[in-house]
């Protein structure tokens, strides 16, 4: 009846988008992993527990690759 209004979380990602994310998961290759909407975003050189600003550089199916533009806060964990 009424058109749905998408929030910024629900809008689909596009190559070139800049987003801020919290990294809470790491894949088996050591890349940061974030889930946003229906996409899994893989972010090389991002550590678990950090907050980063990322530019989406590639999208293939339900996987997106992000490049860290700026680290906003580092992980509080000691390894």
N, C-alpha and C. Protein backbone atom coordinates (compact mmCIF):
# COMPACT_ATOMS: atom_id res chain seq x y z
N UNK A 1 0.82 -1.18 0.00
CA UNK A 1 0.00 0.00 0.00
C UNK A 1 0.87 1.25 0.00
N UNK A 2 1.78 1.35 0.97
CA UNK A 2 2.69 2.49 1.02
C UNK A 2 4.06 2.05 0.52
N UNK A 3 4.77 2.92 -0.14
CA UNK A 3 6.12 2.53 -0.59
C UNK A 3 7.04 2.40 0.63
N UNK A 4 7.95 1.45 0.55
CA UNK A 4 8.89 1.28 1.66
C UNK A 4 9.99 2.34 1.54
N UNK A 5 10.40 2.82 2.67
CA UNK A 5 11.48 3.80 2.73
C UNK A 5 12.69 3.11 3.31
N UNK A 6 13.75 3.08 2.55
CA UNK A 6 14.96 2.42 3.01
C UNK A 6 15.77 3.35 3.90
N UNK A 7 16.26 2.80 5.01
CA UNK A 7 17.17 3.56 5.85
C UNK A 7 18.56 3.41 5.28
N UNK A 8 19.52 4.17 5.80
CA UNK A 8 20.88 4.09 5.29
C UNK A 8 21.47 2.70 5.47
N UNK A 9 21.03 1.96 6.51
CA UNK A 9 21.52 0.61 6.73
C UNK A 9 21.03 -0.32 5.63
N UNK A 10 19.82 -0.08 5.09
CA UNK A 10 19.23 -0.99 4.14
C UNK A 10 19.60 -0.67 2.70
N UNK A 11 20.07 0.53 2.42
CA UNK A 11 20.44 0.89 1.05
C UNK A 11 21.58 0.00 0.59
N UNK A 12 21.54 -0.38 -0.66
CA UNK A 12 22.58 -1.26 -1.16
C UNK A 12 23.89 -0.50 -1.31
N UNK A 13 24.97 -1.21 -1.07
CA UNK A 13 26.30 -0.62 -1.21
C UNK A 13 26.65 -0.48 -2.67
N UNK A 14 27.44 0.55 -2.97
CA UNK A 14 27.95 0.75 -4.32
C UNK A 14 29.45 0.97 -4.23
N UNK A 15 30.16 0.63 -5.28
CA UNK A 15 31.59 0.89 -5.34
C UNK A 15 31.79 2.40 -5.19
N UNK A 16 32.72 2.78 -4.32
CA UNK A 16 32.99 4.19 -4.06
C UNK A 16 32.34 4.70 -2.79
N UNK A 17 31.35 3.97 -2.25
CA UNK A 17 30.72 4.39 -1.00
C UNK A 17 31.74 4.41 0.13
N UNK A 18 31.60 5.39 1.01
CA UNK A 18 32.46 5.49 2.20
C UNK A 18 31.56 5.25 3.41
N UNK A 19 31.92 4.25 4.24
CA UNK A 19 31.12 3.91 5.41
C UNK A 19 32.03 3.79 6.63
N UNK A 20 31.45 3.92 7.80
CA UNK A 20 32.17 3.72 9.06
C UNK A 20 31.66 2.43 9.68
N UNK A 21 32.57 1.54 10.05
CA UNK A 21 32.19 0.24 10.59
C UNK A 21 33.03 -0.12 11.81
N UNK A 22 32.47 -0.97 12.66
CA UNK A 22 33.18 -1.57 13.79
C UNK A 22 33.53 -3.00 13.39
N UNK A 23 34.80 -3.35 13.50
CA UNK A 23 35.27 -4.69 13.13
C UNK A 23 35.17 -5.59 14.35
N UNK A 24 34.36 -6.64 14.24
CA UNK A 24 34.22 -7.58 15.35
C UNK A 24 34.52 -9.01 14.95
N UNK A 25 34.91 -9.22 13.70
CA UNK A 25 35.18 -10.58 13.24
C UNK A 25 36.38 -10.54 12.30
N UNK A 26 37.15 -11.63 12.30
CA UNK A 26 38.33 -11.77 11.45
C UNK A 26 38.20 -13.09 10.70
N UNK A 27 38.49 -13.08 9.39
CA UNK A 27 38.42 -14.34 8.64
C UNK A 27 39.71 -15.13 8.79
N UNK A 28 39.78 -16.29 8.15
CA UNK A 28 40.94 -17.17 8.29
C UNK A 28 42.21 -16.61 7.66
N UNK A 29 42.09 -15.53 6.87
CA UNK A 29 43.26 -14.89 6.28
C UNK A 29 43.69 -13.65 7.07
N UNK A 30 42.98 -13.35 8.16
CA UNK A 30 43.33 -12.20 8.99
C UNK A 30 42.68 -10.89 8.57
N UNK A 31 41.74 -10.94 7.63
CA UNK A 31 41.02 -9.74 7.20
C UNK A 31 39.85 -9.45 8.13
N UNK A 32 39.56 -8.17 8.33
CA UNK A 32 38.38 -7.79 9.09
C UNK A 32 37.13 -8.13 8.28
N UNK A 33 36.07 -8.54 8.99
CA UNK A 33 34.82 -8.90 8.33
C UNK A 33 33.67 -8.18 9.02
N UNK A 34 32.79 -7.58 8.22
CA UNK A 34 31.62 -6.88 8.72
C UNK A 34 30.44 -7.31 7.87
N UNK A 35 29.28 -7.47 8.49
CA UNK A 35 28.05 -7.76 7.75
C UNK A 35 27.20 -6.50 7.78
N UNK A 36 26.76 -6.06 6.61
CA UNK A 36 25.94 -4.86 6.50
C UNK A 36 24.83 -5.13 5.49
N UNK A 37 23.61 -5.16 5.98
CA UNK A 37 22.51 -5.53 5.11
C UNK A 37 22.71 -6.95 4.63
N UNK A 38 22.64 -7.16 3.33
CA UNK A 38 22.83 -8.50 2.78
C UNK A 38 24.26 -8.74 2.30
N UNK A 39 25.16 -7.83 2.60
CA UNK A 39 26.55 -7.94 2.14
C UNK A 39 27.50 -8.32 3.28
N UNK A 40 28.49 -9.12 2.92
CA UNK A 40 29.63 -9.40 3.79
C UNK A 40 30.76 -8.53 3.27
N UNK A 41 31.29 -7.65 4.10
CA UNK A 41 32.36 -6.75 3.68
C UNK A 41 33.68 -7.25 4.26
N UNK A 42 34.63 -7.49 3.39
CA UNK A 42 35.97 -7.94 3.80
C UNK A 42 36.89 -6.74 3.74
N UNK A 43 37.60 -6.52 4.86
CA UNK A 43 38.46 -5.33 4.97
C UNK A 43 39.87 -5.76 5.37
N UNK A 44 40.77 -5.84 4.39
CA UNK A 44 42.17 -6.18 4.70
C UNK A 44 42.80 -5.13 5.63
N UNK A 45 43.70 -5.57 6.46
CA UNK A 45 44.46 -4.70 7.38
C UNK A 45 43.60 -4.04 8.45
N UNK A 46 42.45 -4.62 8.78
CA UNK A 46 41.61 -4.10 9.86
C UNK A 46 41.65 -5.10 11.01
N UNK A 47 41.83 -4.62 12.22
CA UNK A 47 41.93 -5.50 13.38
C UNK A 47 40.60 -5.58 14.11
N UNK A 48 40.37 -6.73 14.73
CA UNK A 48 39.14 -6.94 15.48
C UNK A 48 39.06 -5.94 16.63
N UNK A 49 37.90 -5.32 16.78
CA UNK A 49 37.68 -4.35 17.84
C UNK A 49 37.95 -2.92 17.43
N UNK A 50 38.43 -2.70 16.21
CA UNK A 50 38.71 -1.33 15.77
C UNK A 50 37.52 -0.75 15.03
N UNK A 51 37.46 0.57 14.99
CA UNK A 51 36.43 1.29 14.24
C UNK A 51 37.15 2.00 13.11
N UNK A 52 36.71 1.77 11.87
CA UNK A 52 37.42 2.30 10.71
C UNK A 52 36.46 2.93 9.71
N UNK A 53 36.98 3.89 8.95
CA UNK A 53 36.26 4.46 7.82
C UNK A 53 36.79 3.74 6.59
N UNK A 54 35.87 3.22 5.77
CA UNK A 54 36.22 2.33 4.67
C UNK A 54 35.58 2.82 3.37
N UNK A 55 36.34 2.69 2.27
CA UNK A 55 35.78 2.95 0.93
C UNK A 55 35.58 1.59 0.27
N UNK A 56 34.38 1.36 -0.26
CA UNK A 56 34.09 0.11 -0.97
C UNK A 56 34.77 0.17 -2.34
N UNK A 57 35.65 -0.82 -2.61
CA UNK A 57 36.41 -0.79 -3.86
C UNK A 57 35.98 -1.87 -4.85
N UNK A 58 35.25 -2.90 -4.35
CA UNK A 58 34.82 -3.97 -5.25
C UNK A 58 33.60 -4.65 -4.65
N UNK A 59 32.65 -5.01 -5.51
CA UNK A 59 31.49 -5.78 -5.08
C UNK A 59 31.29 -6.91 -6.07
N UNK A 60 31.17 -8.13 -5.52
CA UNK A 60 30.94 -9.30 -6.36
C UNK A 60 29.92 -10.17 -5.65
N UNK A 61 28.69 -10.19 -6.16
CA UNK A 61 27.62 -10.96 -5.52
C UNK A 61 27.30 -10.36 -4.16
N UNK A 62 27.35 -11.20 -3.12
CA UNK A 62 27.05 -10.71 -1.77
C UNK A 62 28.31 -10.39 -0.97
N UNK A 63 29.45 -10.29 -1.65
CA UNK A 63 30.73 -9.97 -1.01
C UNK A 63 31.20 -8.60 -1.50
N UNK A 64 31.63 -7.76 -0.57
CA UNK A 64 32.22 -6.46 -0.92
C UNK A 64 33.61 -6.39 -0.30
N UNK A 65 34.51 -5.68 -0.96
CA UNK A 65 35.87 -5.47 -0.47
C UNK A 65 35.99 -3.99 -0.13
N UNK A 66 36.50 -3.71 1.08
CA UNK A 66 36.68 -2.33 1.50
C UNK A 66 38.14 -2.01 1.74
N UNK A 67 38.50 -0.76 1.54
CA UNK A 67 39.86 -0.26 1.78
C UNK A 67 39.80 0.73 2.93
N UNK A 68 40.65 0.53 3.94
CA UNK A 68 40.65 1.42 5.10
C UNK A 68 41.16 2.80 4.68
N UNK A 69 40.33 3.81 4.92
CA UNK A 69 40.73 5.20 4.67
C UNK A 69 41.33 5.80 5.93
N UNK A 70 40.68 5.50 7.07
CA UNK A 70 41.13 6.07 8.33
C UNK A 70 40.73 5.15 9.48
N UNK A 71 41.64 4.96 10.42
CA UNK A 71 41.33 4.21 11.64
C UNK A 71 40.83 5.23 12.66
N UNK A 72 39.57 5.06 13.08
CA UNK A 72 38.98 6.00 14.03
C UNK A 72 39.28 5.63 15.47
N UNK A 73 39.36 4.34 15.76
CA UNK A 73 39.80 3.86 17.08
C UNK A 73 40.37 2.47 16.94
N UNK A 74 41.41 2.22 17.70
CA UNK A 74 42.09 0.94 17.68
C UNK A 74 41.41 -0.04 18.63
N UNK A 75 41.73 -1.30 18.44
CA UNK A 75 41.24 -2.34 19.35
C UNK A 75 41.84 -2.12 20.73
N UNK A 76 41.08 -2.44 21.76
CA UNK A 76 41.58 -2.34 23.13
C UNK A 76 42.23 -3.63 23.60
N UNK A 77 42.25 -4.65 22.76
CA UNK A 77 42.78 -5.95 23.14
C UNK A 77 44.29 -6.00 22.98
N UNK A 78 44.94 -6.66 23.91
CA UNK A 78 46.38 -6.92 23.80
C UNK A 78 46.56 -8.33 23.33
N UNK A 79 47.42 -8.52 22.35
CA UNK A 79 47.67 -9.87 21.83
C UNK A 79 48.96 -10.40 22.34
